[in-house]
Each structure stands twice: as C-alpha cells, then as structure tokens.
Amino acid sequence: MKAKIHVTFKEGVLDPQGKAVRNALGSLGFDGIDRVRQGKFIEIDLQENDAEKARSSVKEMCEQLLANTVIENYAIDIIE
C-alpha cells in the first residue's frame, strides 16, 4: 500500500518560494500567472493492508512530523 501526501501552506500564509517562482516564470516570458503556491509531496510505501488503518497512521505522521499544522494543510491519498 502507498500513501501520497500533499502539504501546502494555509490560505493567508506568506509563500516566499512561490512568489520567487512566479517572478522567475514571468522573467522567462510566461505571462498570465497570478500566483504560485509551492508545497511538498511525500510518498510512503506502507506494509499495512487495511486502507483505514493506513490512513489513520499516515494522519498521525502528518500531525506529528510531516506537516506544521499551524501554517500548513495536508491531503492524504491511499493507493492500494
């Protein structure tokens, strides 16, 4: 079983890397970009066979380590 986790800044949190990417894209001639938000993608291979147990375990991982829940949101996809 595999877990795919997307971690992004919460709305309203400044994203200096996203702003730098947006500016760089504009400098390269890519027009029409209003905003870029940058985040993290984490993929974990799990030995668990029960999808709900896997989701629960990965949620705990996110809450304790993978995401700073004060300023970040996370989304979990479990692939069987």
N, C-alpha and C. Protein backbone atom coordinates (compact mmCIF):
# COMPACT_ATOMS: atom_id res chain seq x y z
N MET A 1 0.85 -1.16 0.00
CA MET A 1 0.00 0.00 0.00
C MET A 1 0.90 1.23 0.00
N LYS A 2 0.43 2.30 -0.64
CA LYS A 2 1.22 3.51 -0.77
C LYS A 2 0.40 4.70 -0.31
N ALA A 3 1.05 5.62 0.37
CA ALA A 3 0.42 6.88 0.78
C ALA A 3 1.08 8.01 0.01
N LYS A 4 0.24 8.88 -0.55
CA LYS A 4 0.72 10.09 -1.21
C LYS A 4 0.18 11.27 -0.42
N ILE A 5 1.09 12.14 0.00
CA ILE A 5 0.72 13.25 0.87
C ILE A 5 1.13 14.56 0.21
N HIS A 6 0.19 15.48 0.12
CA HIS A 6 0.45 16.82 -0.39
C HIS A 6 0.35 17.79 0.78
N VAL A 7 1.41 18.55 1.01
CA VAL A 7 1.45 19.53 2.09
C VAL A 7 1.55 20.91 1.46
N THR A 8 0.63 21.80 1.82
CA THR A 8 0.62 23.15 1.27
C THR A 8 0.40 24.16 2.38
N PHE A 9 0.84 25.39 2.13
CA PHE A 9 0.59 26.45 3.10
C PHE A 9 -0.90 26.74 3.18
N LYS A 10 -1.37 27.08 4.36
CA LYS A 10 -2.75 27.51 4.53
C LYS A 10 -2.94 28.85 3.83
N GLU A 11 -4.17 29.11 3.43
CA GLU A 11 -4.50 30.39 2.80
C GLU A 11 -4.13 31.51 3.77
N GLY A 12 -3.51 32.54 3.26
CA GLY A 12 -3.12 33.68 4.08
C GLY A 12 -1.69 33.60 4.61
N VAL A 13 -1.05 32.43 4.50
CA VAL A 13 0.34 32.29 4.94
C VAL A 13 1.24 32.70 3.77
N LEU A 14 2.20 33.56 4.05
CA LEU A 14 3.12 34.01 3.00
C LEU A 14 3.92 32.83 2.45
N ASP A 15 4.12 32.84 1.13
CA ASP A 15 4.85 31.78 0.45
C ASP A 15 5.97 32.42 -0.37
N PRO A 16 7.11 32.74 0.25
CA PRO A 16 8.18 33.42 -0.49
C PRO A 16 8.75 32.59 -1.65
N GLN A 17 8.80 31.27 -1.50
CA GLN A 17 9.29 30.44 -2.61
C GLN A 17 8.32 30.50 -3.78
N GLY A 18 7.03 30.44 -3.50
CA GLY A 18 6.04 30.54 -4.56
C GLY A 18 6.14 31.87 -5.28
N LYS A 19 6.34 32.94 -4.52
CA LYS A 19 6.48 34.27 -5.12
C LYS A 19 7.73 34.34 -5.99
N ALA A 20 8.84 33.76 -5.53
CA ALA A 20 10.07 33.74 -6.31
C ALA A 20 9.89 32.96 -7.62
N VAL A 21 9.19 31.83 -7.55
CA VAL A 21 8.93 31.04 -8.75
C VAL A 21 8.05 31.82 -9.72
N ARG A 22 7.02 32.48 -9.19
CA ARG A 22 6.14 33.29 -10.04
C ARG A 22 6.93 34.38 -10.75
N ASN A 23 7.81 35.07 -10.03
CA ASN A 23 8.63 36.13 -10.62
C ASN A 23 9.58 35.56 -11.67
N ALA A 24 10.19 34.41 -11.39
CA ALA A 24 11.11 33.78 -12.34
C ALA A 24 10.37 33.36 -13.61
N LEU A 25 9.18 32.82 -13.46
CA LEU A 25 8.39 32.43 -14.64
C LEU A 25 8.07 33.65 -15.49
N GLY A 26 7.71 34.76 -14.83
CA GLY A 26 7.46 36.00 -15.56
C GLY A 26 8.70 36.47 -16.30
N SER A 27 9.86 36.36 -15.67
CA SER A 27 11.12 36.76 -16.31
C SER A 27 11.44 35.89 -17.51
N LEU A 28 10.97 34.66 -17.50
CA LEU A 28 11.20 33.74 -18.62
C LEU A 28 10.16 33.91 -19.73
N GLY A 29 9.24 34.84 -19.54
CA GLY A 29 8.26 35.11 -20.59
C GLY A 29 6.93 34.40 -20.43
N PHE A 30 6.72 33.73 -19.32
CA PHE A 30 5.44 33.07 -19.07
C PHE A 30 4.49 34.08 -18.45
N ASP A 31 3.56 34.56 -19.27
CA ASP A 31 2.63 35.59 -18.82
C ASP A 31 1.33 34.96 -18.32
N GLY A 32 0.54 35.77 -17.64
CA GLY A 32 -0.78 35.33 -17.21
C GLY A 32 -0.78 34.51 -15.94
N ILE A 33 0.30 34.54 -15.18
CA ILE A 33 0.36 33.79 -13.92
C ILE A 33 0.09 34.76 -12.78
N ASP A 34 -1.01 34.57 -12.10
CA ASP A 34 -1.36 35.45 -10.99
C ASP A 34 -0.63 35.08 -9.71
N ARG A 35 -0.54 33.79 -9.43
CA ARG A 35 0.03 33.36 -8.16
C ARG A 35 0.57 31.94 -8.28
N VAL A 36 1.64 31.67 -7.57
CA VAL A 36 2.20 30.32 -7.46
C VAL A 36 2.28 29.99 -5.97
N ARG A 37 1.79 28.84 -5.61
CA ARG A 37 1.92 28.34 -4.23
C ARG A 37 2.76 27.08 -4.31
N GLN A 38 3.80 27.01 -3.51
CA GLN A 38 4.69 25.85 -3.52
C GLN A 38 4.47 25.04 -2.26
N GLY A 39 4.55 23.72 -2.40
CA GLY A 39 4.36 22.85 -1.25
C GLY A 39 5.30 21.66 -1.32
N LYS A 40 4.93 20.61 -0.59
CA LYS A 40 5.73 19.38 -0.54
C LYS A 40 4.86 18.21 -0.98
N PHE A 41 5.50 17.24 -1.61
CA PHE A 41 4.86 15.98 -1.95
C PHE A 41 5.68 14.88 -1.30
N ILE A 42 5.01 14.02 -0.54
CA ILE A 42 5.69 12.93 0.18
C ILE A 42 5.00 11.63 -0.21
N GLU A 43 5.79 10.61 -0.53
CA GLU A 43 5.25 9.30 -0.88
C GLU A 43 5.85 8.28 0.08
N ILE A 44 4.98 7.48 0.69
CA ILE A 44 5.41 6.50 1.68
C ILE A 44 4.87 5.13 1.29
N ASP A 45 5.74 4.13 1.21
CA ASP A 45 5.32 2.75 1.00
C ASP A 45 5.04 2.14 2.37
N LEU A 46 3.86 1.58 2.51
CA LEU A 46 3.42 1.02 3.79
C LEU A 46 3.26 -0.49 3.71
N GLN A 47 3.49 -1.16 4.82
CA GLN A 47 3.27 -2.61 4.89
C GLN A 47 1.82 -2.92 5.27
N GLU A 48 1.09 -1.93 5.71
CA GLU A 48 -0.31 -2.11 6.14
C GLU A 48 -1.19 -2.52 4.96
N ASN A 49 -2.12 -3.44 5.19
CA ASN A 49 -3.04 -3.90 4.15
C ASN A 49 -4.44 -3.31 4.30
N ASP A 50 -4.74 -2.73 5.43
CA ASP A 50 -6.05 -2.13 5.68
C ASP A 50 -5.98 -0.63 5.39
N ALA A 51 -6.76 -0.16 4.42
CA ALA A 51 -6.69 1.23 3.97
C ALA A 51 -7.02 2.22 5.09
N GLU A 52 -8.00 1.91 5.92
CA GLU A 52 -8.37 2.83 7.00
C GLU A 52 -7.28 2.91 8.07
N LYS A 53 -6.66 1.77 8.38
CA LYS A 53 -5.54 1.79 9.33
C LYS A 53 -4.36 2.57 8.75
N ALA A 54 -4.12 2.38 7.45
CA ALA A 54 -3.03 3.11 6.79
C ALA A 54 -3.29 4.60 6.84
N ARG A 55 -4.52 5.03 6.51
CA ARG A 55 -4.87 6.45 6.54
C ARG A 55 -4.69 7.03 7.94
N SER A 56 -5.14 6.29 8.94
CA SER A 56 -5.02 6.74 10.32
C SER A 56 -3.56 6.90 10.72
N SER A 57 -2.74 5.95 10.34
CA SER A 57 -1.32 6.00 10.66
C SER A 57 -0.64 7.19 9.97
N VAL A 58 -0.94 7.38 8.70
CA VAL A 58 -0.35 8.48 7.94
C VAL A 58 -0.83 9.83 8.48
N LYS A 59 -2.08 9.89 8.91
CA LYS A 59 -2.60 11.12 9.52
C LYS A 59 -1.78 11.48 10.75
N GLU A 60 -1.48 10.49 11.58
CA GLU A 60 -0.65 10.72 12.76
C GLU A 60 0.75 11.19 12.36
N MET A 61 1.31 10.60 11.30
CA MET A 61 2.62 11.03 10.81
C MET A 61 2.59 12.51 10.42
N CYS A 62 1.53 12.89 9.72
CA CYS A 62 1.39 14.28 9.30
C CYS A 62 1.26 15.21 10.49
N GLU A 63 0.43 14.82 11.44
CA GLU A 63 0.19 15.66 12.62
C GLU A 63 1.45 15.82 13.48
N GLN A 64 2.26 14.77 13.54
CA GLN A 64 3.42 14.79 14.42
C GLN A 64 4.71 15.27 13.75
N LEU A 65 4.84 15.08 12.43
CA LEU A 65 6.13 15.38 11.80
C LEU A 65 6.04 16.00 10.41
N LEU A 66 5.24 15.44 9.54
CA LEU A 66 5.32 15.79 8.12
C LEU A 66 4.75 17.16 7.78
N ALA A 67 3.82 17.66 8.58
CA ALA A 67 3.22 18.97 8.32
C ALA A 67 3.25 19.81 9.59
N ASN A 68 3.49 21.08 9.41
CA ASN A 68 3.36 22.04 10.51
C ASN A 68 1.92 22.53 10.46
N THR A 69 1.06 21.93 11.24
CA THR A 69 -0.38 22.17 11.12
C THR A 69 -0.80 23.58 11.54
N VAL A 70 0.11 24.35 12.10
CA VAL A 70 -0.21 25.75 12.40
C VAL A 70 -0.29 26.55 11.10
N ILE A 71 0.60 26.25 10.14
CA ILE A 71 0.65 27.03 8.90
C ILE A 71 0.43 26.20 7.64
N GLU A 72 0.30 24.87 7.78
CA GLU A 72 0.16 24.01 6.60
C GLU A 72 -1.07 23.12 6.68
N ASN A 73 -1.64 22.85 5.51
CA ASN A 73 -2.68 21.84 5.34
C ASN A 73 -2.04 20.62 4.69
N TYR A 74 -2.69 19.48 4.84
CA TYR A 74 -2.20 18.30 4.15
C TYR A 74 -3.38 17.49 3.63
N ALA A 75 -3.12 16.76 2.55
CA ALA A 75 -4.12 15.87 1.96
C ALA A 75 -3.46 14.51 1.75
N ILE A 76 -4.18 13.46 2.09
CA ILE A 76 -3.65 12.10 2.03
C ILE A 76 -4.43 11.30 0.99
N ASP A 77 -3.71 10.63 0.11
CA ASP A 77 -4.30 9.65 -0.81
C ASP A 77 -3.67 8.30 -0.49
N ILE A 78 -4.51 7.30 -0.27
CA ILE A 78 -4.04 5.94 -0.03
C ILE A 78 -4.28 5.14 -1.31
N ILE A 79 -3.21 4.55 -1.83
CA ILE A 79 -3.28 3.75 -3.05
C ILE A 79 -3.07 2.29 -2.67
N GLU A 80 -4.04 1.45 -3.01
CA GLU A 80 -3.93 0.03 -2.65
C GLU A 80 -3.23 -0.75 -3.74
